[in-house]
N, C-alpha and C. Protein backbone atom coordinates (compact mmCIF):
# COMPACT_ATOMS: atom_id res chain seq x y z
N UNK A 1 16.41 27.85 -57.63
CA UNK A 1 16.30 29.28 -57.68
C UNK A 1 15.11 29.69 -58.52
N UNK A 2 14.41 30.69 -58.08
CA UNK A 2 13.25 31.19 -58.80
C UNK A 2 13.66 32.27 -59.78
N UNK A 3 12.68 32.96 -60.36
CA UNK A 3 12.95 34.04 -61.29
C UNK A 3 13.35 35.33 -60.59
N UNK A 4 13.45 35.31 -59.29
CA UNK A 4 13.86 36.48 -58.53
C UNK A 4 15.17 36.19 -57.84
N UNK A 5 15.70 37.20 -57.19
CA UNK A 5 16.93 36.98 -56.44
C UNK A 5 16.60 36.31 -55.11
N UNK A 6 17.45 35.39 -54.71
CA UNK A 6 17.26 34.67 -53.46
C UNK A 6 18.24 35.18 -52.41
N UNK A 7 17.72 35.45 -51.23
CA UNK A 7 18.55 35.92 -50.12
C UNK A 7 19.23 34.71 -49.48
N UNK A 8 20.52 34.83 -49.21
CA UNK A 8 21.29 33.75 -48.59
C UNK A 8 21.57 34.11 -47.14
N UNK A 9 21.04 33.30 -46.23
CA UNK A 9 21.19 33.56 -44.79
C UNK A 9 21.59 32.26 -44.11
N UNK A 10 22.87 32.13 -43.73
CA UNK A 10 23.30 30.91 -43.05
C UNK A 10 22.51 30.68 -41.76
N UNK A 11 22.16 29.41 -41.49
CA UNK A 11 21.41 29.09 -40.28
C UNK A 11 22.16 29.53 -39.02
N UNK A 12 21.42 30.10 -38.09
CA UNK A 12 22.00 30.50 -36.81
C UNK A 12 22.66 31.86 -36.81
N UNK A 13 22.86 32.45 -37.97
CA UNK A 13 23.45 33.79 -38.02
C UNK A 13 22.40 34.82 -37.63
N UNK A 14 22.81 35.90 -36.97
CA UNK A 14 21.84 36.95 -36.68
C UNK A 14 21.37 37.60 -37.99
N UNK A 15 20.11 37.99 -38.01
CA UNK A 15 19.56 38.63 -39.21
C UNK A 15 20.20 40.01 -39.39
N UNK A 16 20.73 40.29 -40.57
CA UNK A 16 21.30 41.61 -40.81
C UNK A 16 20.19 42.66 -40.89
N UNK A 17 20.54 43.89 -40.58
CA UNK A 17 19.57 44.99 -40.62
C UNK A 17 19.95 45.95 -41.74
N UNK A 18 19.09 46.03 -42.75
CA UNK A 18 19.32 46.97 -43.84
C UNK A 18 20.17 46.44 -44.98
N UNK A 19 20.54 45.18 -44.94
CA UNK A 19 21.32 44.57 -46.02
C UNK A 19 21.13 43.06 -45.92
N UNK A 20 21.68 42.33 -46.88
CA UNK A 20 21.66 40.87 -46.86
C UNK A 20 23.10 40.37 -46.81
N UNK A 21 23.30 39.19 -46.21
CA UNK A 21 24.63 38.61 -46.19
C UNK A 21 25.05 38.13 -47.57
N UNK A 22 24.09 37.66 -48.34
CA UNK A 22 24.38 37.19 -49.69
C UNK A 22 23.11 37.14 -50.51
N UNK A 23 23.28 37.16 -51.82
CA UNK A 23 22.17 37.13 -52.76
C UNK A 23 22.60 36.24 -53.93
N UNK A 24 21.68 35.40 -54.42
CA UNK A 24 21.96 34.56 -55.59
C UNK A 24 20.85 34.74 -56.61
N UNK A 25 21.20 34.58 -57.86
CA UNK A 25 20.21 34.68 -58.93
C UNK A 25 20.81 34.22 -60.24
N UNK A 26 19.94 34.05 -61.22
CA UNK A 26 20.37 33.66 -62.56
C UNK A 26 19.84 34.69 -63.55
N UNK A 27 20.64 34.97 -64.56
CA UNK A 27 20.20 35.91 -65.58
C UNK A 27 21.34 36.77 -66.09
N UNK A 28 20.94 37.90 -66.66
CA UNK A 28 21.90 38.85 -67.23
C UNK A 28 22.46 39.74 -66.13
N UNK A 29 23.77 39.80 -66.03
CA UNK A 29 24.43 40.62 -65.02
C UNK A 29 24.59 42.04 -65.57
N UNK A 30 24.19 43.01 -64.76
CA UNK A 30 24.33 44.41 -65.12
C UNK A 30 25.22 45.06 -64.07
N UNK A 31 26.31 45.66 -64.52
CA UNK A 31 27.26 46.31 -63.64
C UNK A 31 27.10 47.82 -63.78
N UNK A 32 26.88 48.49 -62.66
CA UNK A 32 26.70 49.94 -62.66
C UNK A 32 27.91 50.56 -61.98
N UNK A 33 28.61 51.39 -62.72
CA UNK A 33 29.77 52.09 -62.17
C UNK A 33 29.35 53.01 -61.04
N UNK A 34 30.30 53.42 -60.23
CA UNK A 34 30.03 54.27 -59.08
C UNK A 34 29.24 55.52 -59.45
N UNK A 35 28.12 55.70 -58.77
CA UNK A 35 27.26 56.86 -58.99
C UNK A 35 27.37 57.78 -57.80
N UNK A 36 27.39 59.07 -58.09
CA UNK A 36 27.51 60.07 -57.03
C UNK A 36 26.24 60.91 -56.98
N UNK A 37 26.19 61.81 -56.02
CA UNK A 37 24.97 62.57 -55.75
C UNK A 37 24.76 63.81 -56.57
N UNK A 38 24.96 63.73 -57.88
CA UNK A 38 24.67 64.87 -58.73
C UNK A 38 23.57 64.53 -59.71
N UNK A 39 22.95 65.57 -60.23
CA UNK A 39 21.84 65.37 -61.17
C UNK A 39 22.37 65.37 -62.61
N UNK A 40 21.45 65.33 -63.56
CA UNK A 40 21.80 65.26 -64.98
C UNK A 40 22.63 66.45 -65.44
N UNK A 41 22.57 67.56 -64.72
CA UNK A 41 23.32 68.77 -65.07
C UNK A 41 24.64 68.88 -64.32
N UNK A 42 24.95 67.88 -63.50
CA UNK A 42 26.19 67.92 -62.74
C UNK A 42 26.11 68.73 -61.46
N UNK A 43 24.88 69.07 -61.02
CA UNK A 43 24.70 69.81 -59.76
C UNK A 43 24.54 68.82 -58.61
N UNK A 44 25.32 69.05 -57.55
CA UNK A 44 25.27 68.18 -56.38
C UNK A 44 24.10 68.53 -55.48
N UNK A 45 23.48 67.50 -54.91
CA UNK A 45 22.48 67.68 -53.88
C UNK A 45 23.18 68.18 -52.62
N UNK A 46 22.44 68.87 -51.75
CA UNK A 46 23.01 69.40 -50.51
C UNK A 46 22.94 68.36 -49.40
N UNK A 47 24.05 68.01 -48.83
CA UNK A 47 24.10 67.13 -47.68
C UNK A 47 24.28 65.67 -48.04
N UNK A 48 24.73 64.91 -47.06
CA UNK A 48 25.04 63.50 -47.25
C UNK A 48 23.81 62.68 -47.64
N UNK A 49 22.72 62.86 -46.93
CA UNK A 49 21.51 62.07 -47.21
C UNK A 49 20.98 62.38 -48.61
N UNK A 50 20.92 63.65 -48.95
CA UNK A 50 20.42 64.05 -50.28
C UNK A 50 21.34 63.52 -51.38
N UNK A 51 22.64 63.54 -51.16
CA UNK A 51 23.56 63.00 -52.16
C UNK A 51 23.38 61.48 -52.30
N UNK A 52 23.16 60.81 -51.17
CA UNK A 52 22.95 59.37 -51.22
C UNK A 52 21.68 59.04 -52.00
N UNK A 53 20.61 59.74 -51.69
CA UNK A 53 19.34 59.51 -52.39
C UNK A 53 19.52 59.74 -53.90
N UNK A 54 20.24 60.80 -54.27
CA UNK A 54 20.46 61.09 -55.69
C UNK A 54 21.31 60.00 -56.34
N UNK A 55 22.35 59.54 -55.65
CA UNK A 55 23.20 58.47 -56.19
C UNK A 55 22.38 57.21 -56.44
N UNK A 56 21.48 56.87 -55.50
CA UNK A 56 20.62 55.70 -55.68
C UNK A 56 19.67 55.89 -56.87
N UNK A 57 19.12 57.09 -57.02
CA UNK A 57 18.26 57.36 -58.18
C UNK A 57 19.06 57.26 -59.49
N UNK A 58 20.31 57.68 -59.46
CA UNK A 58 21.17 57.55 -60.64
C UNK A 58 21.41 56.09 -60.99
N UNK A 59 21.60 55.26 -59.97
CA UNK A 59 21.76 53.81 -60.19
C UNK A 59 20.52 53.26 -60.88
N UNK A 60 19.34 53.64 -60.37
CA UNK A 60 18.10 53.14 -60.97
C UNK A 60 17.93 53.62 -62.40
N UNK A 61 18.39 54.82 -62.72
CA UNK A 61 18.30 55.32 -64.09
C UNK A 61 19.16 54.47 -65.03
N UNK A 62 20.36 54.10 -64.58
CA UNK A 62 21.22 53.24 -65.39
C UNK A 62 20.59 51.86 -65.53
N UNK A 63 20.09 51.31 -64.44
CA UNK A 63 19.47 49.99 -64.49
C UNK A 63 18.26 49.96 -65.41
N UNK A 64 17.51 51.04 -65.45
CA UNK A 64 16.33 51.10 -66.32
C UNK A 64 16.72 50.90 -67.78
N UNK A 65 17.93 51.32 -68.15
CA UNK A 65 18.41 51.11 -69.52
C UNK A 65 18.55 49.63 -69.86
N UNK A 66 18.66 48.78 -68.84
CA UNK A 66 18.77 47.33 -69.02
C UNK A 66 17.46 46.62 -68.68
N UNK A 67 16.40 47.41 -68.46
CA UNK A 67 15.11 46.82 -68.10
C UNK A 67 15.08 46.29 -66.69
N UNK A 68 15.89 46.87 -65.82
CA UNK A 68 16.01 46.39 -64.43
C UNK A 68 15.55 47.46 -63.46
N UNK A 69 15.30 47.03 -62.24
CA UNK A 69 14.89 47.93 -61.17
C UNK A 69 15.57 47.54 -59.87
N UNK A 70 15.15 48.16 -58.77
CA UNK A 70 15.80 47.90 -57.49
C UNK A 70 15.71 46.43 -57.05
N UNK A 71 14.66 45.75 -57.47
CA UNK A 71 14.49 44.34 -57.08
C UNK A 71 15.52 43.43 -57.72
N UNK A 72 16.27 43.93 -58.72
CA UNK A 72 17.28 43.13 -59.39
C UNK A 72 18.69 43.36 -58.84
N UNK A 73 18.84 44.32 -57.94
CA UNK A 73 20.17 44.62 -57.39
C UNK A 73 20.57 43.54 -56.41
N UNK A 74 21.71 42.92 -56.69
CA UNK A 74 22.24 41.88 -55.81
C UNK A 74 23.31 42.38 -54.88
N UNK A 75 23.93 43.51 -55.24
CA UNK A 75 25.03 44.02 -54.42
C UNK A 75 25.19 45.52 -54.62
N UNK A 76 25.44 46.21 -53.52
CA UNK A 76 25.80 47.62 -53.54
C UNK A 76 27.09 47.79 -52.76
N UNK A 77 28.00 48.57 -53.29
CA UNK A 77 29.21 48.93 -52.55
C UNK A 77 29.20 50.45 -52.39
N UNK A 78 29.22 50.89 -51.15
CA UNK A 78 29.16 52.31 -50.80
C UNK A 78 30.57 52.77 -50.42
N UNK A 79 30.95 53.93 -50.93
CA UNK A 79 32.20 54.58 -50.55
C UNK A 79 31.82 55.93 -49.94
N UNK A 80 32.21 56.16 -48.70
CA UNK A 80 31.84 57.40 -48.02
C UNK A 80 33.10 58.11 -47.53
N UNK A 81 33.05 59.43 -47.57
CA UNK A 81 34.21 60.21 -47.15
C UNK A 81 34.24 60.47 -45.65
N UNK A 82 33.13 60.15 -44.95
CA UNK A 82 33.09 60.32 -43.50
C UNK A 82 32.18 59.28 -42.86
N UNK A 83 32.78 58.35 -42.15
CA UNK A 83 31.99 57.36 -41.42
C UNK A 83 31.17 58.04 -40.33
N UNK A 84 31.72 59.07 -39.72
CA UNK A 84 30.98 59.79 -38.68
C UNK A 84 29.71 60.41 -39.25
N UNK A 85 29.82 61.03 -40.41
CA UNK A 85 28.65 61.62 -41.05
C UNK A 85 27.63 60.54 -41.40
N UNK A 86 28.09 59.42 -41.93
CA UNK A 86 27.21 58.29 -42.26
C UNK A 86 26.45 57.82 -41.01
N UNK A 87 27.19 57.56 -39.95
CA UNK A 87 26.56 57.05 -38.71
C UNK A 87 25.59 58.06 -38.09
N UNK A 88 25.91 59.35 -38.19
CA UNK A 88 25.09 60.39 -37.57
C UNK A 88 23.71 60.53 -38.21
N UNK A 89 23.57 60.08 -39.44
CA UNK A 89 22.29 60.28 -40.13
C UNK A 89 21.61 58.97 -40.50
N UNK A 90 21.91 57.88 -39.80
CA UNK A 90 21.35 56.57 -40.16
C UNK A 90 19.82 56.53 -40.23
N UNK A 91 19.07 57.07 -39.27
CA UNK A 91 17.61 57.01 -39.41
C UNK A 91 17.10 57.74 -40.66
N UNK A 92 17.60 58.94 -40.90
CA UNK A 92 17.20 59.70 -42.07
C UNK A 92 17.68 59.01 -43.35
N UNK A 93 18.86 58.44 -43.30
CA UNK A 93 19.41 57.73 -44.44
C UNK A 93 18.55 56.50 -44.77
N UNK A 94 18.12 55.79 -43.74
CA UNK A 94 17.25 54.63 -43.95
C UNK A 94 15.95 55.01 -44.64
N UNK A 95 15.36 56.12 -44.22
CA UNK A 95 14.12 56.58 -44.85
C UNK A 95 14.36 56.95 -46.31
N UNK A 96 15.46 57.63 -46.59
CA UNK A 96 15.78 58.03 -47.96
C UNK A 96 16.03 56.78 -48.82
N UNK A 97 16.76 55.82 -48.27
CA UNK A 97 17.03 54.57 -49.00
C UNK A 97 15.73 53.89 -49.38
N UNK A 98 14.84 53.70 -48.41
CA UNK A 98 13.57 53.01 -48.67
C UNK A 98 12.69 53.78 -49.64
N UNK A 99 12.77 55.11 -49.65
CA UNK A 99 11.95 55.89 -50.58
C UNK A 99 12.37 55.65 -52.02
N UNK A 100 13.62 55.29 -52.25
CA UNK A 100 14.11 55.02 -53.59
C UNK A 100 14.10 53.53 -53.91
N UNK A 101 14.59 52.73 -52.97
CA UNK A 101 14.83 51.30 -53.23
C UNK A 101 13.70 50.39 -52.74
N UNK A 102 12.77 50.94 -51.99
CA UNK A 102 11.74 50.09 -51.40
C UNK A 102 12.35 49.21 -50.34
N UNK A 103 11.84 48.01 -50.19
CA UNK A 103 12.35 47.11 -49.17
C UNK A 103 13.26 46.06 -49.79
N UNK A 104 14.09 46.50 -50.72
CA UNK A 104 15.09 45.64 -51.36
C UNK A 104 16.42 45.90 -50.67
N UNK A 105 16.93 44.88 -50.02
CA UNK A 105 18.16 45.01 -49.24
C UNK A 105 19.19 43.99 -49.74
N UNK A 106 19.98 44.35 -50.77
CA UNK A 106 20.97 43.43 -51.32
C UNK A 106 22.16 43.27 -50.39
N UNK A 107 23.09 42.43 -50.81
CA UNK A 107 24.37 42.35 -50.11
C UNK A 107 25.05 43.71 -50.27
N UNK A 108 25.63 44.20 -49.19
CA UNK A 108 26.24 45.53 -49.23
C UNK A 108 27.58 45.54 -48.51
N UNK A 109 28.41 46.46 -48.96
CA UNK A 109 29.66 46.77 -48.26
C UNK A 109 29.74 48.28 -48.14
N UNK A 110 30.32 48.74 -47.05
CA UNK A 110 30.51 50.16 -46.78
C UNK A 110 31.99 50.39 -46.55
N UNK A 111 32.58 51.30 -47.33
CA UNK A 111 34.01 51.54 -47.28
C UNK A 111 34.26 53.03 -47.03
N UNK A 112 35.04 53.34 -46.02
CA UNK A 112 35.45 54.72 -45.77
C UNK A 112 36.65 55.06 -46.64
N UNK A 113 36.59 56.20 -47.31
CA UNK A 113 37.68 56.63 -48.19
C UNK A 113 38.09 58.06 -47.83
N UNK A 114 39.28 58.43 -48.19
CA UNK A 114 39.79 59.77 -47.91
C UNK A 114 39.10 60.81 -48.79
N UNK A 115 38.89 60.47 -50.05
CA UNK A 115 38.27 61.39 -51.00
C UNK A 115 37.71 60.61 -52.17
N UNK A 116 36.84 61.27 -52.93
CA UNK A 116 36.29 60.70 -54.16
C UNK A 116 36.77 61.57 -55.33
N UNK A 117 36.57 61.10 -56.55
CA UNK A 117 37.09 61.81 -57.72
C UNK A 117 36.54 63.22 -57.84
N UNK A 118 35.25 63.40 -57.52
CA UNK A 118 34.66 64.74 -57.55
C UNK A 118 34.76 65.33 -56.15
N UNK A 119 35.42 66.47 -55.98
CA UNK A 119 35.65 67.03 -54.64
C UNK A 119 34.39 67.26 -53.81
N UNK A 120 33.26 67.56 -54.44
CA UNK A 120 32.02 67.81 -53.69
C UNK A 120 31.30 66.53 -53.27
N UNK A 121 31.67 65.40 -53.87
CA UNK A 121 30.99 64.13 -53.58
C UNK A 121 31.32 63.65 -52.18
N UNK A 122 30.28 63.23 -51.46
CA UNK A 122 30.45 62.68 -50.11
C UNK A 122 30.18 61.19 -50.07
N UNK A 123 29.55 60.67 -51.14
CA UNK A 123 29.24 59.25 -51.23
C UNK A 123 29.27 58.84 -52.70
N UNK A 124 29.72 57.63 -52.94
CA UNK A 124 29.68 57.02 -54.28
C UNK A 124 29.22 55.59 -54.07
N UNK A 125 28.30 55.14 -54.92
CA UNK A 125 27.73 53.80 -54.77
C UNK A 125 27.77 53.09 -56.11
N UNK A 126 28.29 51.86 -56.12
CA UNK A 126 28.25 51.04 -57.32
C UNK A 126 27.33 49.86 -57.08
N UNK A 127 26.78 49.32 -58.17
CA UNK A 127 25.77 48.27 -58.05
C UNK A 127 26.05 47.13 -59.01
N UNK A 128 25.66 45.94 -58.59
CA UNK A 128 25.61 44.77 -59.45
C UNK A 128 24.20 44.25 -59.40
N UNK A 129 23.60 44.10 -60.58
CA UNK A 129 22.23 43.61 -60.68
C UNK A 129 22.21 42.33 -61.49
N UNK A 130 21.20 41.51 -61.23
CA UNK A 130 20.97 40.29 -62.00
C UNK A 130 19.53 40.33 -62.49
N UNK A 131 19.37 40.43 -63.80
CA UNK A 131 18.05 40.48 -64.40
C UNK A 131 17.71 39.07 -64.86
N UNK A 132 16.69 38.45 -64.25
CA UNK A 132 16.36 37.05 -64.60
C UNK A 132 16.08 36.89 -66.09
N UNK A 133 16.43 35.70 -66.60
CA UNK A 133 16.15 35.36 -68.01
C UNK A 133 14.66 35.31 -68.28
């Protein structure tokens, strides 16, 4: 393993689009609790894509406190209140994701939920990062 995260792709498996099947790395593990689409003042962004972009920016703000960035994220778990809304905006969502995260595609899971703790939240994302020694 190098000083960066290594993508794990079993031979013969189809290449995933927008995520990785697995990621390995060595270093300090940073766990980021679920982030939602509000700003420092508690104001929510308008719409699913804008909330997702804000949640990702919030993750990066927490990671920065540990000297980490998007390239250190090994896993993201997304919780969404509407799979239909998620699917309907995939192209726009992809652009928003790349504008924040670049071309870093960690292992990801997407979970549909009935509701989130904050009634206005439409998405919550938690992250696990590995900052190399």
